Protein backbone atom coordinates (compact mmCIF):
# COMPACT_ATOMS: atom_id res chain seq x y z
CA MET A 1 41.09 -10.77 33.11
CA LYS A 2 40.94 -9.10 36.74
CA ALA A 3 42.59 -12.13 38.26
CA TRP A 4 45.63 -11.18 35.92
CA GLN A 5 45.93 -7.47 36.47
CA GLY A 6 48.55 -7.65 39.06
CA ILE A 7 50.51 -10.16 37.31
CA LYS A 8 53.84 -8.50 36.08
CA TRP A 9 55.55 -9.20 32.75
CA LEU A 10 57.26 -12.36 34.31
CA LEU A 11 53.93 -14.17 34.89
CA LEU A 12 55.20 -17.54 36.03
CA ALA A 13 54.09 -20.33 37.68
CA ALA A 14 56.40 -22.59 36.11
CA MET A 15 55.95 -26.39 36.11
CA LEU A 16 59.18 -27.64 37.09
CA VAL A 17 60.57 -30.73 38.24
CA GLY A 18 60.36 -31.36 42.01
CA MET A 19 63.24 -33.22 43.65
CA ALA A 20 62.74 -36.72 44.45
CA SER A 21 63.88 -37.78 48.07
CA GLY A 22 65.55 -41.15 48.52
CA ALA A 23 67.51 -43.25 46.29
CA GLY A 24 65.42 -42.53 43.22
CA GLY A 25 67.11 -39.27 42.52
CA PRO A 26 65.76 -36.17 40.82
CA LYS A 27 62.27 -37.12 39.11
CA THR A 28 61.81 -36.52 35.37
CA ALA A 29 59.91 -33.68 33.84
CA GLU A 30 56.93 -35.80 33.38
CA ALA A 31 56.61 -36.78 36.82
CA ALA A 32 57.27 -33.34 38.10
CA GLY A 33 55.72 -31.28 40.93
CA VAL A 34 55.30 -27.50 40.93
CA ILE A 35 58.47 -25.37 41.56
CA ARG A 36 58.36 -21.43 41.79
CA ILE A 37 61.20 -19.29 40.82
CA TYR A 38 61.78 -15.95 42.24
CA MET A 39 64.22 -13.24 41.10
CA ASP A 40 64.88 -10.86 44.21
CA GLY A 41 61.51 -11.77 45.43
CA GLU A 42 59.39 -11.59 42.22
CA GLU A 43 58.19 -14.74 40.66
CA LEU A 44 59.34 -15.35 37.07
CA ALA A 45 57.41 -16.83 34.39
CA SER A 46 58.24 -19.64 31.85
CA ASP A 47 56.32 -20.49 29.03
CA VAL A 48 57.80 -24.01 28.58
CA ALA A 49 58.08 -26.04 31.67
CA PRO A 50 61.64 -26.09 33.11
CA TYR A 51 62.90 -29.38 33.88
CA VAL A 52 65.73 -31.20 35.57
CA VAL A 53 68.28 -33.21 33.54
CA PRO A 54 68.43 -36.78 34.97
CA LYS A 55 71.66 -37.92 36.62
CA ALA A 56 73.30 -34.40 35.90
CA ASN A 57 70.69 -33.01 38.15
CA VAL A 58 70.60 -29.70 36.27
CA THR A 59 67.43 -27.45 36.04
CA MET A 60 66.90 -26.21 32.61
CA VAL A 61 65.06 -23.05 31.71
CA PRO A 62 64.11 -21.23 28.46
CA LEU A 63 66.28 -18.47 27.33
CA ALA A 64 63.18 -16.08 28.05
CA VAL A 65 63.69 -16.65 31.71
CA ILE A 66 67.36 -15.46 31.35
CA SER A 67 66.51 -12.40 29.22
CA ARG A 68 63.28 -11.10 31.09
CA GLY A 69 63.96 -12.45 34.56
CA MET A 70 67.80 -11.63 34.84
CA GLY A 71 67.71 -8.82 32.37
CA ALA A 72 70.58 -10.23 30.04
CA VAL A 73 70.63 -10.10 26.47
CA VAL A 74 70.47 -13.31 24.83
CA SER A 75 70.71 -14.68 21.18
CA TRP A 76 70.53 -17.98 19.54
CA ASP A 77 72.64 -18.84 16.39
CA GLY A 78 70.80 -21.60 14.63
CA MET A 79 73.66 -22.34 12.14
CA THR A 80 76.08 -23.07 15.04
CA LYS A 81 73.43 -23.97 17.46
CA THR A 82 75.02 -21.70 20.02
CA VAL A 83 73.63 -19.37 22.74
CA THR A 84 75.42 -16.16 23.80
CA ILE A 85 74.27 -14.39 26.94
CA VAL A 86 75.63 -10.97 27.48
CA ASP A 87 75.02 -8.98 30.86
CA GLY A 88 77.09 -5.84 31.16
CA PRO A 89 81.01 -7.27 31.11
CA SER A 90 80.07 -10.96 31.34
CA VAL A 91 79.65 -12.96 28.14
CA ILE A 92 78.85 -16.49 28.13
CA THR A 93 78.75 -19.03 25.03
CA MET A 94 77.25 -22.39 24.98
CA ALA A 95 76.71 -24.90 22.16
CA SER A 96 74.51 -27.54 21.87
CA GLY A 97 76.01 -30.86 23.08
CA ALA A 98 79.19 -29.40 24.11
CA LYS A 99 80.49 -30.30 27.64
CA SER A 100 81.90 -26.99 28.48
CA ALA A 101 80.96 -23.27 27.89
CA VAL A 102 83.13 -20.34 27.49
CA VAL A 103 82.78 -17.56 30.09
CA ASN A 104 84.50 -14.40 29.33
CA GLY A 105 87.15 -15.95 27.20
CA ALA A 106 87.81 -18.88 29.63
CA GLU A 107 86.56 -22.57 29.21
CA VAL A 108 84.29 -23.79 32.18
CA VAL A 109 82.69 -27.37 32.37
CA LEU A 110 78.99 -27.74 32.22
CA GLY A 111 76.81 -30.27 33.90
CA ALA A 112 74.34 -29.93 31.17
CA SER A 113 74.49 -27.82 27.97
CA VAL A 114 72.06 -26.25 25.55
CA GLN A 115 69.07 -28.28 24.57
CA ALA A 116 65.79 -27.76 22.63
CA ARG A 117 62.32 -28.50 24.28
CA GLY A 118 58.78 -27.59 23.37
CA GLY A 119 60.17 -25.25 20.45
CA ARG A 120 62.24 -23.28 22.95
CA ILE A 121 66.05 -23.38 23.67
CA MET A 122 66.82 -24.42 27.12
CA VAL A 123 69.88 -23.54 29.29
CA PRO A 124 71.21 -24.36 32.61
CA LEU A 125 69.70 -21.97 35.35
CA ARG A 126 72.12 -22.35 38.21
CA PHE A 127 75.24 -22.01 35.75
CA VAL A 128 74.05 -19.09 33.97
CA GLY A 129 72.74 -17.26 37.24
CA GLU A 130 75.94 -17.90 39.20
CA GLN A 131 78.16 -16.69 36.17
CA LEU A 132 76.08 -13.53 36.07
CA GLY A 133 77.08 -12.81 39.88
CA LEU A 134 73.50 -14.24 41.22
CA THR A 135 73.25 -16.37 44.35
CA VAL A 136 71.09 -19.52 43.38
CA VAL A 137 69.35 -21.09 46.40
CA TRP A 138 67.16 -24.17 46.22
CA ASN A 139 64.68 -24.58 48.99
CA ALA A 140 63.20 -28.09 49.24
CA ALA A 141 61.07 -27.24 52.09
CA ASP A 142 58.46 -25.10 49.87
CA GLY A 143 59.71 -26.13 46.56
CA THR A 144 61.25 -22.69 45.35
CA ILE A 145 64.41 -21.41 43.57
CA ALA A 146 65.65 -18.07 44.51
CA LEU A 147 67.76 -16.09 42.48
CA GLN A 148 69.36 -13.08 44.51
CA SER A 149 71.04 -10.28 42.92
CA GLY A 150 74.25 -8.89 44.31
CA ALA A 151 77.85 -10.77 44.99
CA ALA A 152 77.33 -14.49 45.37
CA GLU A 153 79.40 -16.35 47.87
CA ASN A 154 81.00 -18.29 45.26
CA PRO A 155 80.41 -16.65 41.71
CA GLY A 156 81.64 -18.50 38.92
CA GLY A 157 81.85 -21.84 40.82
CA GLY A 158 80.48 -25.23 40.01
CA ASP A 159 79.17 -26.89 36.91
CA GLY A 160 75.65 -25.85 37.18
CA SER A 161 74.30 -28.87 39.12
CA GLU A 162 71.43 -28.33 41.97
CA PRO A 163 72.50 -28.69 45.59
CA ASP A 164 71.09 -31.83 47.59
CA PRO A 165 67.58 -31.61 47.34
CA GLY A 166 67.32 -31.85 51.15
CA GLN A 167 69.51 -28.80 51.63
CA ASP A 168 67.66 -26.24 53.66
CA GLY A 169 68.07 -22.83 51.32
CA GLY A 170 66.57 -20.52 53.90
CA PRO A 171 63.44 -18.19 53.67
CA ILE A 172 62.28 -16.95 50.20
CA THR A 173 61.60 -13.36 49.95
CA PRO A 174 57.81 -12.74 49.01
CA PRO A 175 57.09 -11.27 45.58
CA GLY A 176 58.10 -7.65 45.29
CA SER A 177 56.84 -4.90 43.16
CA GLY A 178 58.04 -3.95 39.77
CA THR A 179 61.04 -4.57 37.85
CA ASP A 180 63.71 -2.03 36.56
CA ALA A 181 63.06 -0.80 33.12
CA LEU A 182 66.42 -1.90 31.85
CA ASN A 183 65.39 -5.58 32.73
CA GLY A 184 61.94 -5.08 31.37
CA LEU A 185 60.52 -5.38 27.83
CA ARG A 186 62.65 -3.98 24.90
CA GLY A 187 60.67 -4.28 21.63
CA ALA A 188 60.64 -3.01 18.21
CA TRP A 189 57.51 -2.58 16.12
CA ILE A 190 57.75 -4.54 12.67
CA SER A 191 55.57 -2.99 10.19
CA THR A 192 54.28 -5.10 7.13
CA VAL A 193 51.94 -2.60 5.49
CA TYR A 194 53.55 -1.27 2.42
CA ASN A 195 56.14 -3.75 3.01
CA LEU A 196 57.80 -1.17 5.23
CA ASP A 197 60.15 -3.22 7.62
CA TRP A 198 59.30 -6.81 6.38
CA PRO A 199 58.93 -8.60 3.96
CA THR A 200 60.71 -6.57 1.31
CA LYS A 201 58.81 -6.04 -2.08
CA ALA A 202 61.63 -7.91 -3.85
CA SER A 203 60.82 -11.09 -1.77
CA ALA A 204 57.00 -11.32 -2.97
CA GLY A 205 56.07 -14.63 -3.52
CA LYS A 206 59.44 -16.07 -2.38
CA ALA A 207 59.17 -18.05 0.74
CA GLU A 208 62.73 -18.84 1.42
CA LEU A 209 63.78 -15.16 0.86
CA GLN A 210 61.23 -13.89 3.09
CA LYS A 211 62.15 -16.48 5.89
CA GLN A 212 65.90 -15.37 5.61
CA GLU A 213 64.98 -11.69 5.62
CA PHE A 214 62.86 -12.16 8.87
CA VAL A 215 65.68 -14.31 10.53
CA ALA A 216 68.23 -11.70 9.66
CA LEU A 217 66.07 -8.96 11.01
CA LEU A 218 65.54 -10.85 14.37
CA GLY A 219 69.42 -11.19 14.68
CA GLU A 220 69.95 -7.54 14.13
CA LEU A 221 67.19 -6.40 16.78
CA GLN A 222 68.48 -8.77 19.16
CA GLY A 223 72.18 -7.44 18.71
CA MET A 224 70.80 -4.07 19.44
CA GLY A 225 69.27 -5.25 22.83
CA MET A 226 65.61 -6.12 21.80
CA ASN A 227 64.01 -8.97 23.42
CA ALA A 228 60.61 -8.85 21.83
CA VAL A 229 59.15 -8.00 18.56
CA PHE A 230 55.77 -6.62 17.63
CA VAL A 231 54.76 -7.94 14.17
CA GLN A 232 51.81 -6.29 12.10
CA VAL A 233 50.04 -9.62 11.31
CA ARG A 234 46.67 -7.79 10.06
CA PRO A 235 47.94 -4.62 8.62
CA ALA A 236 44.47 -3.51 6.44
CA GLY A 237 42.02 -6.18 6.63
CA ASP A 238 44.42 -9.01 5.51
CA ALA A 239 46.29 -11.53 7.09
CA PHE A 240 49.97 -13.07 7.54
CA TYR A 241 48.31 -16.46 8.53
CA PRO A 242 45.77 -18.90 7.00
CA SER A 243 42.40 -17.33 8.01
CA THR A 244 38.65 -18.23 7.43
CA LEU A 245 37.72 -14.59 8.02
CA THR A 246 40.61 -12.64 6.41
CA PRO A 247 42.23 -12.84 3.00
CA TRP A 248 46.17 -13.32 2.58
CA SER A 249 48.06 -10.14 2.85
CA VAL A 250 49.03 -8.38 -0.24
CA ALA A 251 52.57 -7.64 1.32
CA LEU A 252 53.44 -11.54 0.96
CA SER A 253 52.97 -11.84 -2.84
CA GLY A 254 52.17 -8.45 -4.29
CA LYS A 255 48.31 -9.71 -4.91
CA GLN A 256 45.92 -9.80 -1.90
CA GLY A 257 44.53 -13.21 -1.51
CA THR A 258 47.24 -15.17 -3.01
CA ALA A 259 48.53 -17.99 -0.47
CA PRO A 260 52.25 -18.60 0.31
CA ASP A 261 53.56 -21.99 0.39
CA TYR A 262 54.30 -21.57 4.22
CA ASP A 263 52.45 -20.23 7.35
CA PRO A 264 54.42 -16.74 7.94
CA LEU A 265 52.85 -16.32 11.34
CA ALA A 266 53.73 -19.77 12.55
CA PHE A 267 57.56 -19.55 11.07
CA MET A 268 58.07 -16.17 12.84
CA ILE A 269 56.91 -17.28 16.15
CA GLU A 270 59.08 -20.27 16.08
CA GLU A 271 62.20 -18.24 15.03
CA THR A 272 61.46 -15.56 17.54
CA HIS A 273 60.98 -18.08 20.56
CA LYS A 274 64.23 -19.96 19.47
CA ARG A 275 65.95 -16.77 20.45
CA GLY A 276 64.20 -16.29 23.87
CA MET A 277 62.53 -13.31 22.49
CA GLU A 278 58.71 -12.50 22.67
CA PHE A 279 56.42 -12.48 19.64
CA HIS A 280 53.48 -10.09 20.00
CA ALA A 281 50.96 -9.88 17.26
CA TRP A 282 50.06 -6.57 16.18
CA PHE A 283 46.61 -5.55 14.68
CA ASN A 284 45.28 -2.59 13.03
CA PRO A 285 41.82 -3.14 14.13
CA PHE A 286 39.46 -0.86 12.17
CA ARG A 287 41.41 -0.02 9.04
CA ALA A 288 40.02 -1.93 6.23
CA SER A 289 42.22 -0.74 3.45
CA VAL A 290 44.91 1.92 2.64
CA ASN A 291 43.07 3.08 -0.28
CA ALA A 292 39.45 2.84 -1.76
CA LYS A 293 40.41 0.78 -4.80
CA LEU A 294 38.12 -2.05 -4.34
CA GLU A 295 39.20 -3.78 -7.61
CA ASN A 296 42.60 -4.55 -5.78
CA LEU A 297 40.96 -6.20 -2.61
CA ALA A 298 40.28 -10.03 -2.65
CA ASP A 299 36.83 -11.32 -2.98
CA ASN A 300 36.58 -12.41 0.61
CA HIS A 301 37.88 -9.10 1.96
CA VAL A 302 35.35 -7.65 4.48
CA ALA A 303 35.02 -4.35 2.15
CA LYS A 304 33.33 -6.78 -0.54
CA LEU A 305 31.50 -9.15 1.62
CA HIS A 306 30.30 -6.35 3.96
CA PRO A 307 30.09 -3.04 2.13
CA GLU A 308 27.43 -1.81 4.64
CA TRP A 309 30.08 -1.84 7.44
CA ILE A 310 32.65 0.01 5.61
CA VAL A 311 33.28 3.95 5.88
CA ASN A 312 35.41 5.88 3.38
CA ALA A 313 37.25 8.55 5.23
CA GLY A 314 39.90 10.59 3.36
CA GLY A 315 40.36 7.83 0.86
CA ILE A 316 41.15 5.23 3.53
CA LEU A 317 38.45 2.36 4.18
CA TYR A 318 37.49 1.65 7.92
CA VAL A 319 35.42 -0.73 9.45
CA ASN A 320 32.73 1.13 11.17
CA PRO A 321 33.03 0.90 15.10
CA GLY A 322 29.53 1.84 15.47
CA ILE A 323 28.07 -1.54 14.12
CA PRO A 324 28.28 -4.23 16.60
CA GLU A 325 28.42 -7.20 14.15
CA ALA A 326 31.38 -5.19 12.50
CA ARG A 327 33.04 -5.00 15.82
CA GLN A 328 32.35 -8.64 16.54
CA HIS A 329 34.00 -9.75 12.99
CA ILE A 330 37.23 -7.88 14.22
CA ILE A 331 37.23 -9.66 17.51
CA ASP A 332 36.65 -12.96 15.99
CA ALA A 333 39.47 -12.37 13.68
CA ILE A 334 41.86 -11.42 16.48
CA ALA A 335 40.81 -14.30 18.53
CA GLU A 336 41.68 -16.61 15.57
CA VAL A 337 45.15 -15.75 16.19
CA ALA A 338 45.29 -15.68 20.01
CA ASN A 339 43.77 -19.12 20.18
CA GLY A 340 45.42 -20.86 17.28
CA TYR A 341 49.14 -19.57 17.71
CA ASP A 342 51.55 -19.38 20.37
CA VAL A 343 51.63 -15.67 20.80
CA ASP A 344 52.84 -13.83 23.76
CA GLY A 345 50.73 -10.99 23.20
CA VAL A 346 47.90 -9.37 21.30
CA HIS A 347 48.57 -5.83 20.44
CA LEU A 348 46.51 -2.82 19.00
CA ASP A 349 47.61 0.29 17.52
CA ASP A 350 45.55 3.56 17.60
CA TYR A 351 43.46 2.82 14.39
CA PHE A 352 40.20 3.40 16.01
CA TYR A 353 38.26 6.37 14.54
CA PRO A 354 40.22 8.74 12.19
CA SER A 355 41.97 11.63 14.09
CA SER A 356 40.56 14.00 11.40
CA GLY A 357 38.02 14.74 8.58
CA ALA A 358 34.50 13.48 8.15
CA PHE A 359 33.59 9.94 9.22
CA GLY A 360 30.03 9.04 7.77
CA ASP A 361 28.53 7.27 10.51
CA ASP A 362 25.32 9.14 11.06
CA ALA A 363 22.97 6.28 9.97
CA ALA A 364 24.81 3.94 12.58
CA PHE A 365 24.62 6.50 15.21
CA ALA A 366 20.74 6.61 14.69
CA GLN A 367 20.52 2.67 14.37
CA TYR A 368 22.75 1.41 17.05
CA ASN A 369 22.20 3.72 20.01
CA PRO A 370 20.23 1.73 22.39
CA ASP A 371 21.31 3.95 25.44
CA GLY A 372 20.16 7.23 23.48
CA ILE A 373 23.51 9.12 23.98
CA SER A 374 23.14 12.29 22.37
CA ASN A 375 26.62 13.17 21.91
CA LYS A 376 28.41 11.64 18.89
CA GLY A 377 31.62 11.78 20.64
CA ASP A 378 30.38 9.97 23.76
CA TRP A 379 28.85 7.42 21.42
CA ARG A 380 31.76 6.69 19.50
CA ARG A 381 33.85 6.34 22.47
CA ALA A 382 31.17 4.03 24.08
CA ASN A 383 31.66 1.67 20.87
CA ILE A 384 35.46 1.64 21.17
CA ASN A 385 34.91 0.71 25.08
CA ALA A 386 32.71 -2.26 24.15
CA PHE A 387 35.16 -3.34 21.66
CA VAL A 388 38.09 -3.23 24.15
CA ARG A 389 36.13 -4.95 26.79
CA GLN A 390 34.81 -7.62 24.68
CA LEU A 391 38.23 -8.17 22.97
CA ASP A 392 39.80 -8.55 26.39
CA GLU A 393 37.25 -11.21 27.18
CA ALA A 394 37.67 -13.00 23.80
CA VAL A 395 41.53 -13.11 24.21
CA HIS A 396 41.83 -14.08 27.65
CA SER A 397 38.75 -16.59 27.79
CA LYS A 398 40.90 -19.48 26.56
CA LYS A 399 44.69 -18.03 27.29
CA PRO A 400 44.47 -16.03 30.33
CA ALA A 401 48.20 -15.66 30.25
CA ILE A 402 48.44 -13.97 27.06
CA ARG A 403 49.45 -10.17 27.33
CA PHE A 404 46.84 -7.77 25.77
CA GLY A 405 47.64 -4.29 25.20
CA ILE A 406 47.16 -1.30 23.03
CA SER A 407 49.29 1.52 22.01
CA PRO A 408 47.47 4.92 21.79
CA PHE A 409 48.36 8.19 20.74
CA GLY A 410 50.72 9.47 23.29
CA VAL A 411 48.61 12.58 24.58
CA TRP A 412 45.19 11.40 26.32
CA ARG A 413 43.86 15.02 26.81
CA ASN A 414 45.13 18.27 27.18
CA LYS A 415 45.03 20.11 30.71
CA ALA A 416 43.35 22.91 29.03
CA VAL A 417 40.40 20.91 28.00
CA ASP A 418 40.21 18.57 30.92
CA ALA A 419 42.00 19.33 34.26
CA SER A 420 43.14 16.02 34.75
CA GLY A 421 44.86 15.76 31.37
CA SER A 422 48.74 16.22 30.90
CA ASP A 423 50.12 19.72 30.87
CA THR A 424 50.56 19.72 27.09
CA LYS A 425 49.13 21.79 23.96
CA ALA A 426 48.96 18.77 21.55
CA GLY A 427 46.66 19.51 18.32
CA VAL A 428 45.37 15.99 18.36
CA THR A 429 44.71 13.72 21.54
CA ALA A 430 43.48 10.17 21.86
CA TYR A 431 40.05 10.92 23.59
CA ASP A 432 39.00 13.98 21.64
CA SER A 433 40.36 13.20 18.27
CA MET A 434 40.64 9.35 18.01
CA ASN A 435 37.74 8.45 20.54
CA ALA A 436 39.96 6.30 22.58
CA ASP A 437 39.02 6.46 26.15
CA VAL A 438 42.36 4.92 27.40
CA ARG A 439 41.69 6.02 31.09
CA THR A 440 38.62 3.73 31.17
CA TRP A 441 40.58 0.96 29.68
CA ILE A 442 43.01 1.34 32.48
CA LYS A 443 40.72 1.92 35.39
CA GLN A 444 38.49 -1.02 34.12
CA GLY A 445 41.52 -3.51 33.67
CA TRP A 446 40.46 -4.24 30.29
CA ILE A 447 44.17 -4.20 29.14
CA ASP A 448 47.46 -5.70 30.65
CA TYR A 449 49.51 -2.69 29.59
CA VAL A 450 49.30 0.42 27.71
CA ALA A 451 52.01 1.74 25.35
CA PRO A 452 51.57 5.43 24.70
CA GLN A 453 53.24 6.74 21.53
CA ILE A 454 55.31 9.41 23.21
CA TYR A 455 56.95 10.54 20.00
CA TRP A 456 58.13 13.77 21.01
CA SER A 457 61.70 15.01 22.42
CA PHE A 458 62.28 16.74 25.61
CA ALA A 459 62.60 19.79 23.70
CA THR A 460 59.29 19.77 22.25
CA THR A 461 57.27 22.62 23.89
CA ALA A 462 53.79 21.59 22.97
CA ALA A 463 54.28 17.97 24.34
CA PRO A 464 57.63 17.48 26.13
CA TYR A 465 58.61 13.86 26.69
CA GLY A 466 59.07 14.16 30.46
CA LYS A 467 55.86 15.60 31.09
CA LEU A 468 54.13 12.82 29.35
CA VAL A 469 56.06 9.99 30.85
CA ASP A 470 54.99 11.60 34.26
CA TRP A 471 51.39 11.88 33.33
CA TRP A 472 51.16 8.19 32.04
CA ALA A 473 53.06 6.78 35.03
CA GLN A 474 50.68 8.66 37.41
CA GLU A 475 47.57 7.29 35.37
CA VAL A 476 48.55 3.71 35.80
CA ARG A 477 49.95 3.69 39.25
CA GLY A 478 48.13 1.26 41.54
CA THR A 479 45.96 -0.22 38.69
CA GLY A 480 48.02 -3.46 38.01
CA VAL A 481 48.25 -2.21 34.30
CA ASP A 482 51.88 -1.71 33.00
CA LEU A 483 53.26 0.93 31.29
CA TYR A 484 55.51 0.60 28.07
CA ILE A 485 56.77 3.81 26.49
CA GLY A 486 56.64 4.04 22.82
CA HIS A 487 59.73 5.92 21.26
CA ALA A 488 60.49 7.47 17.86
CA GLY A 489 63.46 5.93 16.37
CA HIS A 490 62.17 7.17 13.05
CA LYS A 491 62.65 10.83 14.25
CA VAL A 492 66.28 10.45 15.18
CA GLY A 493 68.33 12.59 12.76
CA GLY A 494 65.38 14.60 11.69
CA LYS A 495 64.74 18.39 11.75
CA GLU A 496 62.19 18.35 14.60
CA ALA A 497 63.36 20.06 17.78
CA GLY A 498 65.81 17.65 20.12
CA TRP A 499 66.29 14.88 17.47
CA GLN A 500 69.79 15.84 16.28
CA SER A 501 71.44 13.28 18.35
CA ALA A 502 71.15 9.73 19.37
CA GLN A 503 71.51 10.58 22.85
CA GLU A 504 67.86 11.85 22.96
CA ILE A 505 66.67 8.08 22.92
CA VAL A 506 69.02 7.12 25.63
CA ASP A 507 67.95 10.22 27.78
CA GLN A 508 64.52 9.12 27.39
CA LEU A 509 65.30 5.46 28.46
CA ARG A 510 67.00 6.85 31.50
CA TYR A 511 64.32 9.10 32.46
CA SER A 512 61.59 6.48 32.20
CA ALA A 513 63.55 3.98 34.11
CA GLN A 514 63.01 5.88 37.07
CA PHE A 515 59.37 5.14 37.26
CA ALA A 516 58.51 1.63 38.86
CA GLU A 517 55.39 1.85 36.66
CA VAL A 518 57.46 1.71 33.43
CA LYS A 519 58.00 -1.87 32.47
CA GLY A 520 59.60 -1.61 29.09
CA ASN A 521 60.26 0.45 25.93
CA LEU A 522 59.23 0.12 22.24
CA PHE A 523 60.85 1.51 19.22
CA PHE A 524 59.03 2.57 15.96
CA SER A 525 60.26 0.97 13.89
CA ALA A 526 62.59 -1.80 12.79
CA LYS A 527 63.86 -0.26 9.61
CA ASP A 528 64.60 2.96 11.22
CA LEU A 529 66.53 1.19 14.10
CA ARG A 530 68.55 -0.76 11.19
CA LYS A 531 69.54 2.49 9.36
CA ASN A 532 71.33 3.41 12.43
CA PRO A 533 70.60 7.02 12.55
CA LEU A 534 73.51 9.27 14.10
CA GLY A 535 74.92 6.02 15.77
CA LEU A 536 71.54 4.95 17.52
CA ILE A 537 72.55 1.12 17.32
CA GLU A 538 75.79 1.68 19.24
CA ALA A 539 73.97 4.06 21.75
CA LEU A 540 71.38 1.45 22.56
CA ARG A 541 74.19 -1.38 22.82
CA ARG A 542 76.05 0.75 25.27
CA TYR A 543 72.88 1.53 27.40
CA TYR A 544 71.81 -2.22 27.54
CA GLY A 545 75.48 -3.17 28.52
CA LEU A 546 76.38 -5.09 25.34
CA ALA A 547 79.89 -5.32 24.22
CA ALA A 548 81.01 -2.71 21.97
């Protein structure tokens, strides 16, 4: 993974079409050479190879390049087959097969319009870039396309076609460092456990209704400015995909182990990618079941197949992280998704060891302790460290570009306990309570990003938002590990100090945007965003520069 540590959100090395010299014109995508695309000096990523439309000489790129690379908000309407791109006051709409686009209410001729390719929606790079005020420069000498922000010499001009391949575009600025948080990842967690966010209980066993619900959810989230979803695909030792290791989730049908008549994960990924959004598969690693009622579990559930791996802690069943075979089972279950599906990322939450109460692992402590670690807390942290390291290897062995990250509790350690900890007085910490040694994961480069759940306001005296962002930014600085901030959308409008206005979220976004280390923001959770507490949706739309 170390070779990937320094790669930013926009990991690219897009396989684009090279421009042919002579009378043959541009090459087709199949005969393409390698072209690199830069935005203000930083190389952009494309999960589907951009290509040039023959004769029109127009470079087509996935919507995700526009969203992630240019920071615009994009949406795809599958019914009308229309793309909408919004960047501040600029609004562009393009329909599949149309010969013109509508830009801020005016009709503009297109060289090539919206196309579908490789499961992605493709749009003309130069046309969109120039309409958004960028300078687009093709450099045939080194095979690069440079997108430069700031006023273009001829913004809004042209039909999106490329300049003559022999034209000298000038030098390309080398890749820079970091991206503004406004243009980074903007994600929402979608909880499936207890049918919290999706699917609804009313849709149990109804595939078409579940699909309609998910499409509607994506549309609403994208309308708020989100460009990524983090969907819980393994909520409690069960799955939203056909698995050889894990039973079907109870949330799909009302009964664990009952197969739906479609592949929910494949459907969600396809619909998400159509809209130029990223899909991250979210796993609860060690939670086996939300209760101890074994009679409700499928016969192939891990708690029934391997009761010796299970610990009942406070009425919740956990897979014991201290047993190597049990850890490997979870790694294999996650790798099943990473290797078998076109996910953009693998995401873990903070379900390692429970944060309080007794956890019966004395037998495992005695049996699986080859290094003779005397302190059980240190032994537990070593177990989780081994799990994270081995999962990193498993996830990246076949698909090194997949983003692997973890969302731990927002406080690593208090300064009073560890001088290098944050200036906080939290009653629970990731290191001491959940045995999550996040600092080691970051320093060792076992994760691509960390997304601490900073679920407190600026006014929270025990754990102020600002102090925690300061601490986490310092923690990842210079490591190559990106920082996403987890925000408490579920607290807006609540009684806790500081949450009596949606402006709290906006102020948090503005604060984190000043740190180069912060590459994006996540919101918990989708259902809370949809409730629009205290006008949160409108506040997010204004912040992200969407039309009122």
